[in-house]
Amino acid sequence: MSIINDSKFKKSILSALADEDMIQIIKHTTDNPISGNDIIKLCNIPHSTAYRKLKWMLEEGLIAITEMKFTEDGKKFALFQSTVHSINVNMEKNGIMTVTALKNIGAKQFTAKKFLSIDME
């Protein structure tokens, strides 16, 4: 586990932990990369909500696109994986908060110029 010193990433982790949908997305993408449609089904999240949260999580570095695939009819879709395997938050009496996370070794970032503009489903 590594202490998260980047205040922006720390705030992103805390924001995600305060959102039940994002907790479910992290939970389902920790071990294996999965598609947006699978996330929608497994987490029971509406399509537009899921993709809005996936986009935010991508921007914040909480998940990564690990691969782009194509369906038989030529449509492309992304596979998402969490960039963290486990997270611990500790707040002491003096107000100091420590966030530690174990990096998800399986989550290699897919390289694309503007992966947020790629049609993900």
Protein backbone atom coordinates (compact mmCIF):
# COMPACT_ATOMS: atom_id res chain seq x y z
CA MET A 1 0.00 0.00 0.00
CA SER A 2 1.23 3.46 -0.85
CA ILE A 3 0.20 6.72 0.78
CA ILE A 4 -1.56 8.97 -1.72
CA ASN A 5 0.12 12.37 -1.53
CA ASP A 6 -1.46 13.85 -4.66
CA SER A 7 -4.30 15.91 -3.17
CA LYS A 8 -6.33 15.86 -6.41
CA PHE A 9 -6.17 12.05 -6.65
CA LYS A 10 -6.93 11.76 -2.92
CA LYS A 11 -10.06 13.92 -3.37
CA SER A 12 -11.06 11.82 -6.38
CA ILE A 13 -10.78 8.63 -4.35
CA LEU A 14 -12.85 10.12 -1.52
CA SER A 15 -15.49 11.37 -3.97
CA ALA A 16 -15.72 7.93 -5.58
CA LEU A 17 -16.07 6.26 -2.18
CA ALA A 18 -18.99 8.59 -1.41
CA ASP A 19 -20.85 7.42 -4.54
CA GLU A 20 -22.44 3.95 -4.47
CA ASP A 21 -22.38 3.60 -8.29
CA MET A 22 -18.66 4.38 -8.43
CA ILE A 23 -17.97 1.92 -5.61
CA GLN A 24 -19.73 -0.74 -7.69
CA ILE A 25 -17.76 0.21 -10.81
CA ILE A 26 -14.46 -0.09 -8.92
CA LYS A 27 -15.59 -3.38 -7.36
CA HIS A 28 -16.50 -4.95 -10.71
CA THR A 29 -13.42 -3.68 -12.58
CA THR A 30 -10.74 -4.51 -10.02
CA ASP A 31 -9.81 -8.03 -11.10
CA ASN A 32 -10.64 -8.03 -14.81
CA PRO A 33 -11.34 -5.39 -17.46
CA ILE A 34 -14.99 -5.26 -18.51
CA SER A 35 -17.06 -3.36 -21.04
CA GLY A 36 -19.36 -0.45 -20.32
CA ASN A 37 -22.39 -2.57 -21.15
CA ASP A 38 -21.28 -5.21 -18.65
CA ILE A 39 -20.79 -2.48 -16.02
CA ILE A 40 -24.33 -1.23 -16.70
CA LYS A 41 -25.76 -4.74 -16.24
CA LEU A 42 -23.65 -5.78 -13.23
CA CYS A 43 -24.10 -2.51 -11.36
CA ASN A 44 -27.70 -1.88 -12.45
CA ILE A 45 -26.87 1.71 -13.44
CA PRO A 46 -28.70 3.64 -16.18
CA HIS A 47 -26.70 3.94 -19.42
CA SER A 48 -26.21 7.72 -19.33
CA THR A 49 -25.28 7.69 -15.63
CA ALA A 50 -22.77 4.87 -16.13
CA TYR A 51 -20.97 6.60 -18.99
CA ARG A 52 -20.96 9.97 -17.21
CA LYS A 53 -19.36 8.35 -14.17
CA LEU A 54 -16.96 6.29 -16.29
CA LYS A 55 -15.82 9.45 -18.07
CA TRP A 56 -15.24 11.23 -14.75
CA MET A 57 -13.38 8.24 -13.32
CA LEU A 58 -11.19 8.08 -16.45
CA GLU A 59 -10.38 11.79 -16.18
CA GLU A 60 -9.48 11.37 -12.50
CA GLY A 61 -7.33 8.27 -13.08
CA LEU A 62 -9.49 5.88 -11.03
CA ILE A 63 -10.08 3.58 -13.98
CA ALA A 64 -8.24 3.04 -17.24
CA ILE A 65 -9.16 1.81 -20.68
CA THR A 66 -7.09 -1.32 -21.08
CA GLU A 67 -8.20 -2.39 -24.52
CA MET A 68 -10.40 -1.46 -27.46
CA LYS A 69 -12.37 -4.25 -29.13
CA PHE A 70 -14.69 -4.51 -32.08
CA THR A 71 -18.03 -6.28 -32.37
CA GLU A 72 -18.85 -8.49 -35.36
CA ASP A 73 -20.71 -5.57 -36.96
CA GLY A 74 -17.67 -3.28 -36.62
CA LYS A 75 -18.67 -1.19 -33.60
CA LYS A 76 -15.86 -0.47 -31.17
CA PHE A 77 -16.05 -0.65 -27.41
CA ALA A 78 -13.65 -0.15 -24.52
CA LEU A 79 -12.71 -2.44 -21.65
CA PHE A 80 -12.34 -0.63 -18.32
CA GLN A 81 -10.28 -1.62 -15.30
CA SER A 82 -9.79 -0.02 -11.91
CA THR A 83 -6.35 1.49 -11.34
CA VAL A 84 -6.52 0.70 -7.61
CA HIS A 85 -6.91 -2.72 -6.03
CA SER A 86 -7.72 -1.67 -2.48
CA ILE A 87 -8.15 1.62 -0.63
CA ASN A 88 -7.80 2.53 3.04
CA VAL A 89 -8.84 5.86 4.57
CA ASN A 90 -7.77 6.86 8.07
CA MET A 91 -8.71 10.08 9.83
CA GLU A 92 -7.07 10.90 13.13
CA LYS A 93 -8.38 13.08 15.98
CA ASN A 94 -6.21 16.00 14.86
CA GLY A 95 -7.99 16.01 11.48
CA ILE A 96 -5.13 14.53 9.48
CA MET A 97 -6.48 12.18 6.86
CA THR A 98 -4.35 9.49 5.30
CA VAL A 99 -5.45 7.69 2.14
CA THR A 100 -3.49 4.63 1.09
CA ALA A 101 -4.07 2.52 -1.99
CA LEU A 102 -2.68 -0.62 -3.55
CA LYS A 103 -2.10 -0.03 -7.25
CA ASN A 104 -3.82 -2.46 -9.57
CA ILE A 105 -0.96 -4.05 -11.48
CA GLY A 106 -3.37 -5.51 -14.03
CA ALA A 107 -4.62 -2.10 -15.14
CA LYS A 108 -2.37 -0.94 -17.94
CA GLN A 109 -3.51 2.29 -19.53
CA PHE A 110 -4.65 2.10 -23.13
CA THR A 111 -2.81 4.67 -25.23
CA ALA A 112 -4.96 6.91 -27.39
CA LYS A 113 -4.75 10.59 -28.28
CA LYS A 114 -8.16 11.47 -26.94
CA PHE A 115 -9.54 8.32 -25.37
CA LEU A 116 -12.41 10.31 -23.87
CA SER A 117 -13.62 11.18 -27.35
CA ILE A 118 -13.55 7.54 -28.49
CA ASP A 119 -17.02 6.08 -28.91
CA MET A 120 -16.97 3.63 -26.01
CA GLU A 121 -19.99 1.56 -27.01
